[in-house]
N, C-alpha and C. Protein backbone atom coordinates (compact mmCIF):
# COMPACT_ATOMS: atom_id res chain seq x y z
N MET A 1 -14.44 5.78 1.40
CA MET A 1 -13.38 5.24 0.18
C MET A 1 -12.79 4.56 1.08
N SER A 2 -12.15 3.88 0.26
CA SER A 2 -11.05 2.82 1.07
C SER A 2 -9.68 4.13 0.91
N ARG A 3 -8.87 3.56 1.09
CA ARG A 3 -7.32 3.95 1.06
C ARG A 3 -6.75 3.20 -0.08
N SER A 4 -6.54 3.87 -1.24
CA SER A 4 -5.41 2.78 -2.24
C SER A 4 -4.81 3.54 -3.12
N CYS A 5 -3.92 2.47 -3.89
CA CYS A 5 -2.80 3.45 -4.70
C CYS A 5 -3.82 4.41 -5.82
N ALA A 6 -3.48 5.22 -6.09
CA ALA A 6 -3.58 6.02 -7.14
C ALA A 6 -3.06 5.43 -8.74
N VAL A 7 -1.93 4.90 -8.45
CA VAL A 7 -1.24 4.25 -10.02
C VAL A 7 -1.83 3.12 -9.87
N CYS A 8 -1.63 1.66 -9.07
CA CYS A 8 -1.86 0.77 -9.23
C CYS A 8 -2.60 0.01 -8.42
N GLY A 9 -3.83 0.97 -7.95
CA GLY A 9 -4.59 0.55 -6.94
C GLY A 9 -4.77 -0.35 -5.93
N LYS A 10 -3.53 -0.58 -5.15
CA LYS A 10 -3.01 -1.60 -3.95
C LYS A 10 -4.03 -1.08 -3.01
N ILE A 11 -4.75 -2.07 -2.51
CA ILE A 11 -5.70 -1.95 -1.20
C ILE A 11 -5.40 -2.78 -0.13
N SER A 12 -6.04 -2.70 0.84
CA SER A 12 -5.62 -3.40 2.31
C SER A 12 -6.05 -4.67 2.22
N MET A 13 -5.31 -5.71 3.10
CA MET A 13 -5.70 -6.98 2.93
C MET A 13 -6.01 -8.12 3.87
N ASP A 14 -6.82 -9.08 3.97
CA ASP A 14 -7.11 -9.32 5.53
C ASP A 14 -6.43 -10.78 5.28
N GLY A 15 -6.07 -10.46 6.73
CA GLY A 15 -4.78 -11.70 7.16
C GLY A 15 -5.47 -12.09 8.77
N PHE A 16 -4.26 -12.77 9.47
CA PHE A 16 -4.30 -13.43 10.68
C PHE A 16 -2.92 -13.34 11.07
N ASN A 17 -2.99 -13.09 12.28
CA ASN A 17 -1.88 -13.13 12.84
C ASN A 17 -1.51 -14.69 13.68
N ALA A 18 -0.54 -15.49 13.37
CA ALA A 18 -0.86 -16.88 13.70
C ALA A 18 -0.20 -16.50 15.80
N GLN A 19 -0.50 -17.73 16.39
CA GLN A 19 -0.23 -17.43 17.84
C GLN A 19 1.01 -18.81 17.61
N SER A 20 2.14 -18.29 18.45
CA SER A 20 2.91 -18.89 18.31
C SER A 20 3.11 -20.16 19.43
N SER A 21 2.32 -20.27 20.21
CA SER A 21 2.34 -21.37 21.31
C SER A 21 0.58 -21.84 21.97
N GLY A 22 1.28 -22.85 21.80
CA GLY A 22 0.05 -23.74 22.66
C GLY A 22 -1.22 -24.88 21.78
N MET A 23 -1.43 -25.22 22.30
CA MET A 23 -2.24 -26.49 21.50
C MET A 23 -3.33 -25.61 20.49
N ASN A 24 -4.31 -24.79 21.03
CA ASN A 24 -5.33 -24.14 20.50
C ASN A 24 -4.53 -23.13 19.48
N ARG A 25 -4.64 -23.26 18.46
CA ARG A 25 -3.81 -22.03 17.52
C ARG A 25 -5.42 -20.99 17.19
N VAL A 26 -5.35 -19.86 18.38
CA VAL A 26 -6.13 -19.44 17.86
C VAL A 26 -5.53 -18.37 16.60
N ARG A 27 -6.38 -17.71 16.10
CA ARG A 27 -5.96 -16.92 15.23
C ARG A 27 -6.14 -15.26 15.30
N ALA A 28 -5.55 -14.07 15.54
CA ALA A 28 -6.44 -12.84 15.69
C ALA A 28 -6.17 -12.73 14.04
N HIS A 29 -7.76 -12.10 13.91
CA HIS A 29 -8.00 -11.27 12.82
C HIS A 29 -7.26 -9.75 12.23
N ARG A 30 -6.61 -9.56 11.41
CA ARG A 30 -5.52 -8.21 11.16
C ARG A 30 -5.86 -8.03 9.79
N ARG A 31 -5.25 -6.95 9.52
CA ARG A 31 -5.52 -5.94 8.12
C ARG A 31 -4.10 -5.63 7.97
N PHE A 32 -3.30 -6.04 6.55
CA PHE A 32 -2.38 -5.65 6.10
C PHE A 32 -2.28 -4.31 5.27
N GLN A 33 -2.42 -3.12 5.91
CA GLN A 33 -2.14 -1.85 5.08
C GLN A 33 -1.05 -1.53 4.30
N PRO A 34 -1.47 -0.91 2.81
CA PRO A 34 -0.23 -0.34 2.15
C PRO A 34 0.46 0.65 2.72
N ASN A 35 1.81 0.81 2.09
CA ASN A 35 2.21 1.63 2.37
C ASN A 35 2.72 2.86 1.50
N LEU A 36 1.40 4.05 1.82
CA LEU A 36 0.89 5.05 1.01
C LEU A 36 1.40 6.01 1.49
N GLN A 37 2.18 6.83 0.70
CA GLN A 37 2.11 8.35 1.03
C GLN A 37 1.83 9.49 0.00
N GLN A 38 1.85 10.71 0.27
CA GLN A 38 1.05 11.49 -0.21
C GLN A 38 2.25 12.18 -1.27
N THR A 39 1.95 12.33 -2.43
CA THR A 39 3.33 12.40 -3.15
C THR A 39 2.74 13.16 -4.61
N THR A 40 3.36 14.30 -4.89
CA THR A 40 3.41 15.08 -6.11
C THR A 40 3.88 14.35 -7.00
N ILE A 41 3.29 13.85 -7.99
CA ILE A 41 3.33 13.17 -9.43
C ILE A 41 2.67 14.39 -10.68
N GLN A 42 3.45 13.80 -11.82
CA GLN A 42 2.93 14.47 -13.23
C GLN A 42 1.91 13.60 -13.94
N VAL A 43 0.63 14.17 -14.13
CA VAL A 43 0.06 13.45 -14.74
C VAL A 43 -0.90 14.51 -15.99
N GLY A 44 -0.53 14.25 -17.51
CA GLY A 44 -0.69 14.62 -18.78
C GLY A 44 -0.35 16.49 -18.03
N GLY A 45 1.20 16.86 -17.77
CA GLY A 45 2.00 17.63 -17.98
C GLY A 45 1.76 18.76 -16.68
N LYS A 46 0.34 17.83 -15.82
CA LYS A 46 0.34 18.98 -14.40
C LYS A 46 0.67 18.36 -13.41
N SER A 47 0.83 18.59 -12.22
CA SER A 47 1.53 18.43 -10.46
C SER A 47 0.41 17.76 -9.80
N VAL A 48 0.08 16.55 -9.66
CA VAL A 48 -0.93 16.11 -9.01
C VAL A 48 -0.82 16.10 -7.28
N LYS A 49 -1.66 15.71 -6.31
CA LYS A 49 -0.89 15.32 -5.31
C LYS A 49 -1.86 13.94 -5.11
N ALA A 50 -1.13 12.92 -4.88
CA ALA A 50 -1.80 11.53 -4.94
C ALA A 50 -1.19 10.87 -3.70
N LEU A 51 -1.94 9.93 -3.24
CA LEU A 51 -1.55 8.79 -2.39
C LEU A 51 -1.33 7.51 -3.30
N ILE A 52 0.01 7.18 -3.59
CA ILE A 52 0.81 6.02 -4.08
C ILE A 52 1.62 5.33 -2.80
N CYS A 53 1.71 4.16 -3.37
CA CYS A 53 2.46 2.83 -2.88
C CYS A 53 3.96 3.28 -2.93
N THR A 54 5.07 2.72 -1.84
CA THR A 54 6.02 3.27 -1.77
C THR A 54 6.49 2.31 -3.38
N ARG A 55 6.20 1.20 -3.95
CA ARG A 55 6.63 0.53 -4.49
C ARG A 55 6.80 1.04 -5.98
N CYS A 56 5.62 2.09 -6.10
CA CYS A 56 5.15 2.58 -7.26
C CYS A 56 5.76 3.96 -7.28
N GLN A 57 5.99 4.82 -6.02
CA GLN A 57 7.05 5.63 -6.21
C GLN A 57 8.59 5.09 -6.52
N ARG A 58 8.92 4.41 -6.21
CA ARG A 58 10.31 3.36 -6.66
C ARG A 58 10.59 3.62 -8.23
N THR A 59 9.00 2.67 -8.62
CA THR A 59 9.10 2.81 -10.00
C THR A 59 9.42 3.62 -10.94
N ILE A 60 8.26 4.35 -10.83
CA ILE A 60 8.58 5.99 -10.89
C ILE A 60 9.45 6.71 -10.81
N SER A 61 10.18 6.68 -9.74
CA SER A 61 11.61 7.43 -9.62
C SER A 61 12.80 6.85 -10.70
N ARG A 62 12.79 5.48 -10.59
CA ARG A 62 13.43 4.82 -11.76
C ARG A 62 13.11 4.94 -12.90
N ALA A 63 12.45 4.99 -13.53
CA ALA A 63 11.74 5.48 -15.42
C ALA A 63 12.24 7.00 -15.22
N ALA A 64 12.41 7.97 -13.92
CA ALA A 64 12.33 9.25 -14.45
C ALA A 64 13.97 9.38 -15.28
N GLN A 65 14.74 8.41 -14.59
CA GLN A 65 16.25 8.61 -14.66
C GLN A 65 16.83 8.27 -15.82
């Protein structure tokens, strides 16, 4: 099971590291991981520990204010 955000479902993305110099621009394969944090959130009146991305953490905290 891949690590994904429990709120928005954000998962890792594939991409390339671009070479900065040289004639043959060799691309190195890499993965971009979401910034997931284990946080306690309220779901249906219950406190549940879940992995959520920091963008969703920010949105939830601003909605609570």
